[in-house]
Amino acid sequence: MLFDNHNRPITYLRLAVTDRCNLRCFYCMPEAGIRYLPKQQLLTYEEMERLVAVLARMGVSKLRLTGGEPFVRAGLMGFLERLSVIPGMDELHMTTNGVLTAPHVADMARLGIKSVNLSLDTLDRARFHQITRRDELPAVLTTLDELLAHNIRVKINAVVMDGQNTQDLFALAELARNQPIDVRFIEEMPFNGEGNHYPVLTWTHQRILAELKSFYPDLQPRPAAPHATATTWQAPGHVGTMGIIAAYTRTFCGSCNRIRLTAQGTLKTCLYDNGVLDVRALLRSGATNDDLTAAFLKAFAHRPKNGFEAEAHRPEVTESMSTIGG
């Protein structure tokens, strides 16, 4: 087992395979997009594969591929194939916006993808276009149908945004009525390339829960999974569940087991830190696997206690989630 300086296990890696995305979501980046990194500044698949293998030997057993949007990077399925056989990496998961995903779902099932986090903030086509600045809702819903048809566990991630999609909470929650879907409502974070959209966050996890209880007065709490970021609820008669992620309020830091590697090879031991290790530089300067292991251990030994401590040691948060890795 691998532990940080606060005795929290580190078992979960979120790996961004690209900073590019085919949507322009309101909460993730400005309408004009962000300045993408030149290809040579991104980790190669071979470099990523080596890092995953090193971390697996250290005790990391769960991997989630993120972006940007993973499926905009060429060769992704071959990379997934190689990741699926790395010893010690027991769980392979993905996060996607679903626009390009549907044709690959059968192969994802064959490779044993455990779950997919599908970004979906509304079921209304006009509001989807407004939020994402692209008219791609039909493609996302096709992906949802394919994932369910291939028995891949689906978690829908819906960022709750004042003035954007708060009228959609009930429709999204209803997806869990007859299907084994986990619908998770997420507090908006300032990772949109511009900083906070609001002087005060009004749609906190408490308000989201109150809204859900207005729809489902008999909403029942579900037992929390170890290291879960979401508090989970279920309405009587529903097959699936609803979850609330206090991503801005940061109520779950005490059990956090995850680290992040950005597409450019920056290690983040907390979503809110400014990056703690340039892994790409180590790789390209000839570091051995033992060197990488030692550098990781040193970084994990100085991990912030929570997101507030991490944020206090950096300038203002202005980067895009597409750059960080979702």
Protein backbone atom coordinates (compact mmCIF):
# COMPACT_ATOMS: atom_id res chain seq x y z
CA MET A 1 0.00 0.00 0.00
CA LEU A 2 1.07 3.54 -0.79
CA PHE A 3 0.27 6.31 1.70
CA ASP A 4 0.71 10.06 1.84
CA ASN A 5 1.91 12.17 4.79
CA HIS A 6 -1.63 12.24 6.20
CA ASN A 7 -1.88 8.43 6.16
CA ARG A 8 -4.33 8.44 3.26
CA PRO A 9 -3.83 5.60 0.77
CA ILE A 10 -2.99 6.57 -2.80
CA THR A 11 -4.62 4.01 -5.06
CA TYR A 12 -6.25 6.00 -7.86
CA LEU A 13 -4.65 7.81 -10.82
CA ARG A 14 -6.54 10.19 -13.11
CA LEU A 15 -4.51 10.47 -16.31
CA ALA A 16 -5.31 13.16 -18.88
CA VAL A 17 -4.37 11.94 -22.35
CA THR A 18 -4.94 15.31 -24.03
CA ASP A 19 -5.76 18.92 -23.22
CA ARG A 20 -7.90 19.22 -26.37
CA CYS A 21 -11.68 19.08 -26.41
CA ASN A 22 -14.39 19.21 -29.07
CA LEU A 23 -16.82 21.08 -26.78
CA ARG A 24 -16.50 24.54 -25.18
CA CYS A 25 -18.42 24.06 -21.95
CA PHE A 26 -19.28 27.20 -19.97
CA TYR A 27 -17.76 25.81 -16.75
CA CYS A 28 -14.59 24.44 -18.34
CA MET A 29 -13.20 27.04 -20.74
CA PRO A 30 -13.89 30.41 -22.36
CA GLU A 31 -15.99 30.51 -25.53
CA ALA A 32 -12.88 31.11 -27.65
CA GLY A 33 -11.26 28.01 -26.15
CA ILE A 34 -7.80 27.79 -24.63
CA ARG A 35 -4.32 27.80 -26.13
CA TYR A 36 -3.55 24.13 -26.63
CA LEU A 37 -0.05 22.83 -26.08
CA PRO A 38 2.11 21.79 -29.04
CA LYS A 39 2.13 18.03 -29.49
CA GLN A 40 5.77 17.68 -28.40
CA GLN A 41 4.87 19.18 -25.02
CA LEU A 42 2.35 16.41 -24.33
CA LEU A 43 3.32 13.05 -22.93
CA THR A 44 3.52 10.34 -25.56
CA TYR A 45 1.47 7.19 -25.11
CA GLU A 46 4.70 5.31 -24.44
CA GLU A 47 5.64 7.75 -21.67
CA MET A 48 2.18 7.49 -20.14
CA GLU A 49 2.30 3.70 -20.27
CA ARG A 50 5.64 3.68 -18.47
CA LEU A 51 4.35 6.01 -15.74
CA VAL A 52 1.22 3.90 -15.23
CA ALA A 53 3.37 0.78 -14.88
CA VAL A 54 5.64 2.48 -12.32
CA LEU A 55 2.68 3.71 -10.26
CA ALA A 56 1.01 0.29 -10.46
CA ARG A 57 4.14 -1.29 -8.95
CA MET A 58 3.96 1.32 -6.17
CA GLY A 59 0.36 0.36 -5.29
CA VAL A 60 -1.92 2.40 -7.55
CA SER A 61 -4.59 -0.03 -8.75
CA LYS A 62 -7.27 2.18 -10.32
CA LEU A 63 -6.83 4.28 -13.45
CA ARG A 64 -9.22 6.74 -15.08
CA LEU A 65 -8.44 8.27 -18.46
CA THR A 66 -9.60 11.85 -18.84
CA GLY A 67 -8.94 14.88 -21.02
CA GLY A 68 -9.79 17.29 -22.46
CA GLU A 69 -11.80 14.74 -24.36
CA PRO A 70 -9.87 11.46 -24.58
CA PHE A 71 -11.38 10.40 -27.90
CA VAL A 72 -10.03 13.41 -29.80
CA ARG A 73 -6.52 11.92 -29.48
CA ALA A 74 -5.67 9.50 -32.26
CA GLY A 75 -4.70 5.96 -31.27
CA LEU A 76 -6.60 5.94 -27.99
CA MET A 77 -8.04 2.43 -28.33
CA GLY A 78 -4.62 0.88 -28.93
CA PHE A 79 -3.37 2.69 -25.83
CA LEU A 80 -6.31 1.32 -23.84
CA GLU A 81 -5.46 -2.17 -25.05
CA ARG A 82 -1.93 -1.87 -23.67
CA LEU A 83 -3.06 -0.34 -20.39
CA SER A 84 -5.52 -3.18 -19.82
CA VAL A 85 -2.70 -5.72 -19.38
CA ILE A 86 -0.41 -3.77 -17.04
CA PRO A 87 0.11 -5.92 -13.91
CA GLY A 88 -1.42 -4.44 -10.77
CA MET A 89 -3.68 -1.96 -12.56
CA ASP A 90 -6.90 -3.74 -11.64
CA GLU A 91 -9.51 -1.16 -12.69
CA LEU A 92 -9.69 0.88 -15.87
CA HIS A 93 -12.27 3.68 -16.10
CA MET A 94 -12.94 6.57 -18.47
CA THR A 95 -14.40 10.07 -18.47
CA THR A 96 -15.83 11.36 -21.76
CA ASN A 97 -18.25 13.92 -23.13
CA GLY A 98 -19.73 11.18 -25.33
CA VAL A 99 -19.60 13.01 -28.65
CA LEU A 100 -17.13 10.62 -30.31
CA THR A 101 -17.48 7.64 -27.99
CA ALA A 102 -20.36 5.49 -29.30
CA PRO A 103 -18.42 3.64 -32.06
CA HIS A 104 -15.86 2.46 -29.49
CA VAL A 105 -18.17 1.19 -26.75
CA ALA A 106 -18.12 -2.47 -27.84
CA ASP A 107 -14.32 -2.51 -27.72
CA MET A 108 -14.37 -0.71 -24.37
CA ALA A 109 -16.57 -3.47 -22.99
CA ARG A 110 -14.23 -6.12 -24.44
CA LEU A 111 -11.26 -4.49 -22.71
CA GLY A 112 -13.08 -4.54 -19.38
CA ILE A 113 -13.68 -0.83 -18.82
CA LYS A 114 -15.31 -0.81 -15.40
CA SER A 115 -17.23 2.44 -15.66
CA VAL A 116 -17.63 5.59 -17.70
CA ASN A 117 -18.24 9.06 -16.36
CA LEU A 118 -20.38 10.75 -19.00
CA SER A 119 -20.53 14.55 -18.89
CA LEU A 120 -24.16 15.59 -19.42
CA ASP A 121 -25.49 18.80 -17.90
CA THR A 122 -28.95 18.90 -19.48
CA LEU A 123 -31.32 16.82 -21.59
CA ASP A 124 -32.65 19.92 -23.33
CA ARG A 125 -31.00 20.34 -26.73
CA ALA A 126 -31.11 24.13 -26.76
CA ARG A 127 -29.61 24.40 -23.27
CA PHE A 128 -27.01 21.76 -24.16
CA HIS A 129 -25.99 23.96 -27.09
CA GLN A 130 -25.90 27.01 -24.84
CA ILE A 131 -23.76 25.32 -22.16
CA THR A 132 -21.35 23.44 -24.45
CA ARG A 133 -21.48 25.90 -27.37
CA ARG A 134 -21.93 22.89 -29.66
CA ASP A 135 -25.08 21.10 -30.90
CA GLU A 136 -24.04 17.54 -29.98
CA LEU A 137 -26.71 16.26 -27.57
CA PRO A 138 -27.96 13.49 -29.94
CA ALA A 139 -24.46 12.01 -30.18
CA VAL A 140 -24.08 12.02 -26.38
CA LEU A 141 -27.42 10.27 -25.90
CA THR A 142 -26.42 7.64 -28.46
CA THR A 143 -23.30 6.98 -26.39
CA LEU A 144 -25.42 6.67 -23.24
CA ASP A 145 -27.62 4.07 -24.94
CA GLU A 146 -24.56 2.13 -26.16
CA LEU A 147 -22.95 2.09 -22.73
CA LEU A 148 -26.12 0.74 -21.14
CA ALA A 149 -26.55 -1.84 -23.90
CA HIS A 150 -23.02 -3.13 -23.25
CA ASN A 151 -23.50 -3.23 -19.47
CA ILE A 152 -20.82 -0.67 -18.72
CA ARG A 153 -21.57 1.17 -15.50
CA VAL A 154 -22.52 4.77 -16.25
CA LYS A 155 -22.05 7.75 -13.99
CA ILE A 156 -23.53 10.94 -15.38
CA ASN A 157 -21.65 14.05 -14.28
CA ALA A 158 -23.80 17.19 -14.27
CA VAL A 159 -22.26 20.46 -13.13
CA VAL A 160 -24.95 22.59 -11.47
CA MET A 161 -24.72 26.18 -12.74
CA ASP A 162 -26.87 29.08 -11.66
CA GLY A 163 -28.74 30.51 -14.63
CA GLN A 164 -27.68 27.67 -16.91
CA ASN A 165 -29.23 24.31 -16.01
CA THR A 166 -30.81 24.36 -12.55
CA GLN A 167 -34.21 23.73 -14.16
CA ASP A 168 -32.84 20.40 -15.45
CA LEU A 169 -32.10 18.66 -12.17
CA PHE A 170 -35.36 16.72 -12.09
CA ALA A 171 -35.09 15.49 -15.69
CA LEU A 172 -31.54 14.33 -15.09
CA ALA A 173 -32.45 12.65 -11.79
CA GLU A 174 -35.25 10.79 -13.54
CA LEU A 175 -32.65 8.98 -15.66
CA ALA A 176 -32.01 6.87 -12.56
CA ARG A 177 -35.65 5.77 -12.25
CA ASN A 178 -35.60 2.81 -14.63
CA GLN A 179 -31.93 2.41 -15.51
CA PRO A 180 -28.80 1.51 -13.48
CA ILE A 181 -27.34 5.00 -13.81
CA ASP A 182 -25.60 7.02 -11.11
CA VAL A 183 -26.53 10.66 -11.71
CA ARG A 184 -24.05 12.92 -9.89
CA PHE A 185 -24.63 16.62 -9.42
CA ILE A 186 -21.42 18.62 -8.99
CA GLU A 187 -20.77 22.00 -7.44
CA GLU A 188 -19.23 24.31 -10.03
CA MET A 189 -15.48 24.92 -9.59
CA PRO A 190 -13.39 27.86 -10.82
CA PHE A 191 -11.50 25.79 -13.42
CA ASN A 192 -12.93 27.45 -16.52
CA GLY A 193 -9.96 29.48 -17.72
CA GLU A 194 -11.46 32.65 -16.26
CA GLY A 195 -11.77 32.13 -12.49
CA ASN A 196 -14.99 32.10 -10.47
CA HIS A 197 -18.17 32.87 -12.38
CA TYR A 198 -19.97 33.98 -9.21
CA PRO A 199 -18.97 36.13 -6.21
CA VAL A 200 -20.60 33.48 -4.01
CA LEU A 201 -21.47 29.91 -4.94
CA THR A 202 -25.23 29.68 -4.44
CA TRP A 203 -25.77 26.13 -5.68
CA THR A 204 -23.86 24.39 -2.92
CA HIS A 205 -24.21 20.71 -2.10
CA GLN A 206 -26.78 21.61 0.58
CA ARG A 207 -28.95 23.49 -1.90
CA ILE A 208 -28.68 20.73 -4.50
CA LEU A 209 -29.82 18.19 -1.91
CA ALA A 210 -32.73 20.40 -0.86
CA GLU A 211 -33.78 20.67 -4.50
CA LEU A 212 -33.65 16.90 -4.97
CA LYS A 213 -35.66 16.37 -1.79
CA SER A 214 -38.32 18.73 -3.14
CA PHE A 215 -38.76 16.25 -6.02
CA TYR A 216 -38.30 13.11 -3.91
CA PRO A 217 -39.38 13.71 -0.28
CA ASP A 218 -38.53 10.10 0.62
CA LEU A 219 -34.97 10.29 -0.73
CA GLN A 220 -32.79 7.89 1.26
CA PRO A 221 -29.03 8.07 1.89
CA ARG A 222 -26.95 5.19 0.59
CA PRO A 223 -23.81 3.85 2.28
CA ALA A 224 -20.72 5.71 1.11
CA ALA A 225 -18.11 3.74 -0.79
CA PRO A 226 -14.55 4.05 0.55
CA HIS A 227 -12.87 7.25 -0.72
CA ALA A 228 -16.02 8.34 -2.55
CA THR A 229 -16.29 11.99 -3.56
CA ALA A 230 -20.09 11.83 -3.75
CA THR A 231 -22.73 11.49 -1.08
CA THR A 232 -25.21 9.05 -2.60
CA TRP A 233 -29.00 8.99 -2.41
CA GLN A 234 -31.77 6.84 -3.82
CA ALA A 235 -35.45 7.49 -4.34
CA PRO A 236 -37.84 4.63 -3.54
CA GLY A 237 -38.49 2.55 -6.65
CA HIS A 238 -35.51 3.92 -8.57
CA VAL A 239 -33.05 1.46 -10.08
CA GLY A 240 -30.18 3.94 -10.13
CA THR A 241 -28.92 6.50 -7.64
CA MET A 242 -28.27 10.23 -7.29
CA GLY A 243 -25.05 11.65 -5.97
CA ILE A 244 -23.82 15.09 -4.94
CA ILE A 245 -20.16 16.05 -5.22
CA ALA A 246 -19.08 19.00 -3.06
CA ALA A 247 -16.21 19.82 -5.40
CA TYR A 248 -16.03 23.48 -4.40
CA THR A 249 -16.93 23.05 -0.73
CA ARG A 250 -14.42 20.16 -0.54
CA THR A 251 -16.00 18.00 2.14
CA PHE A 252 -14.26 14.77 1.07
CA CYS A 253 -10.57 15.71 1.25
CA GLY A 254 -9.96 13.65 4.38
CA SER A 255 -10.39 10.38 2.49
CA CYS A 256 -8.94 11.41 -0.89
CA ASN A 257 -7.01 8.58 -2.53
CA ARG A 258 -6.44 10.14 -5.98
CA ILE A 259 -3.63 11.85 -7.81
CA ARG A 260 -3.57 13.42 -11.26
CA LEU A 261 -1.17 13.49 -14.18
CA THR A 262 -1.90 16.19 -16.72
CA ALA A 263 -1.40 15.64 -20.43
CA GLN A 264 1.83 17.66 -20.27
CA GLY A 265 3.18 15.45 -17.50
CA THR A 266 2.56 17.54 -14.38
CA LEU A 267 1.78 15.63 -11.20
CA LYS A 268 -1.03 17.09 -9.09
CA THR A 269 -1.56 15.53 -5.68
CA CYS A 270 -4.61 17.76 -5.22
CA LEU A 271 -6.99 19.18 -7.80
CA TYR A 272 -6.44 22.65 -6.34
CA ASP A 273 -2.62 22.63 -6.28
CA ASN A 274 -0.49 24.27 -8.96
CA GLY A 275 1.37 21.10 -9.91
CA VAL A 276 4.03 19.58 -7.67
CA LEU A 277 6.31 17.64 -10.02
CA ASP A 278 7.36 17.94 -13.68
CA VAL A 279 7.33 14.26 -14.56
CA ARG A 280 7.84 14.93 -18.28
CA ALA A 281 11.17 16.63 -17.54
CA LEU A 282 12.26 13.63 -15.48
CA LEU A 283 11.32 11.19 -18.23
CA ARG A 284 13.09 13.15 -20.94
CA SER A 285 16.25 13.67 -18.90
CA GLY A 286 16.80 9.93 -18.66
CA ALA A 287 15.30 9.12 -15.25
CA THR A 288 15.21 5.45 -14.36
CA ASN A 289 12.12 3.79 -12.92
CA ASP A 290 13.79 3.96 -9.50
CA ASP A 291 14.31 7.70 -10.00
CA LEU A 292 10.63 8.11 -10.88
CA THR A 293 9.58 6.10 -7.85
CA ALA A 294 11.72 8.23 -5.54
CA ALA A 295 10.35 11.45 -7.01
CA PHE A 296 6.76 10.25 -6.61
CA LEU A 297 7.37 9.22 -3.00
CA LYS A 298 8.86 12.62 -2.19
CA ALA A 299 5.83 14.38 -3.70
CA PHE A 300 3.38 12.16 -1.83
CA ALA A 301 5.21 12.90 1.43
CA HIS A 302 4.36 16.62 1.08
CA ARG A 303 0.72 16.38 0.05
CA PRO A 304 -1.60 19.16 1.30
CA LYS A 305 -4.15 18.21 3.92
CA ASN A 306 -7.05 19.48 1.80
CA GLY A 307 -7.98 21.58 -1.20
CA PHE A 308 -8.03 24.80 0.80
CA GLU A 309 -4.43 24.34 1.94
CA ALA A 310 -3.40 23.51 -1.63
CA GLU A 311 -5.14 26.57 -3.03
CA ALA A 312 -3.59 28.85 -0.39
CA HIS A 313 -0.11 28.02 -1.71
CA ARG A 314 -0.72 29.10 -5.29
CA PRO A 315 -1.78 32.14 -7.32
CA GLU A 316 -5.40 32.61 -8.31
CA VAL A 317 -7.04 29.58 -9.93
CA THR A 318 -7.52 30.46 -13.60
CA GLU A 319 -6.62 27.36 -15.59
CA SER A 320 -9.14 25.31 -17.52
CA MET A 321 -10.28 21.87 -16.36
CA SER A 322 -9.36 20.75 -19.86
CA THR A 323 -5.74 21.58 -19.05
CA ILE A 324 -5.84 19.97 -15.60
CA GLY A 325 -7.61 16.77 -16.58
CA GLY A 326 -11.19 16.18 -15.47
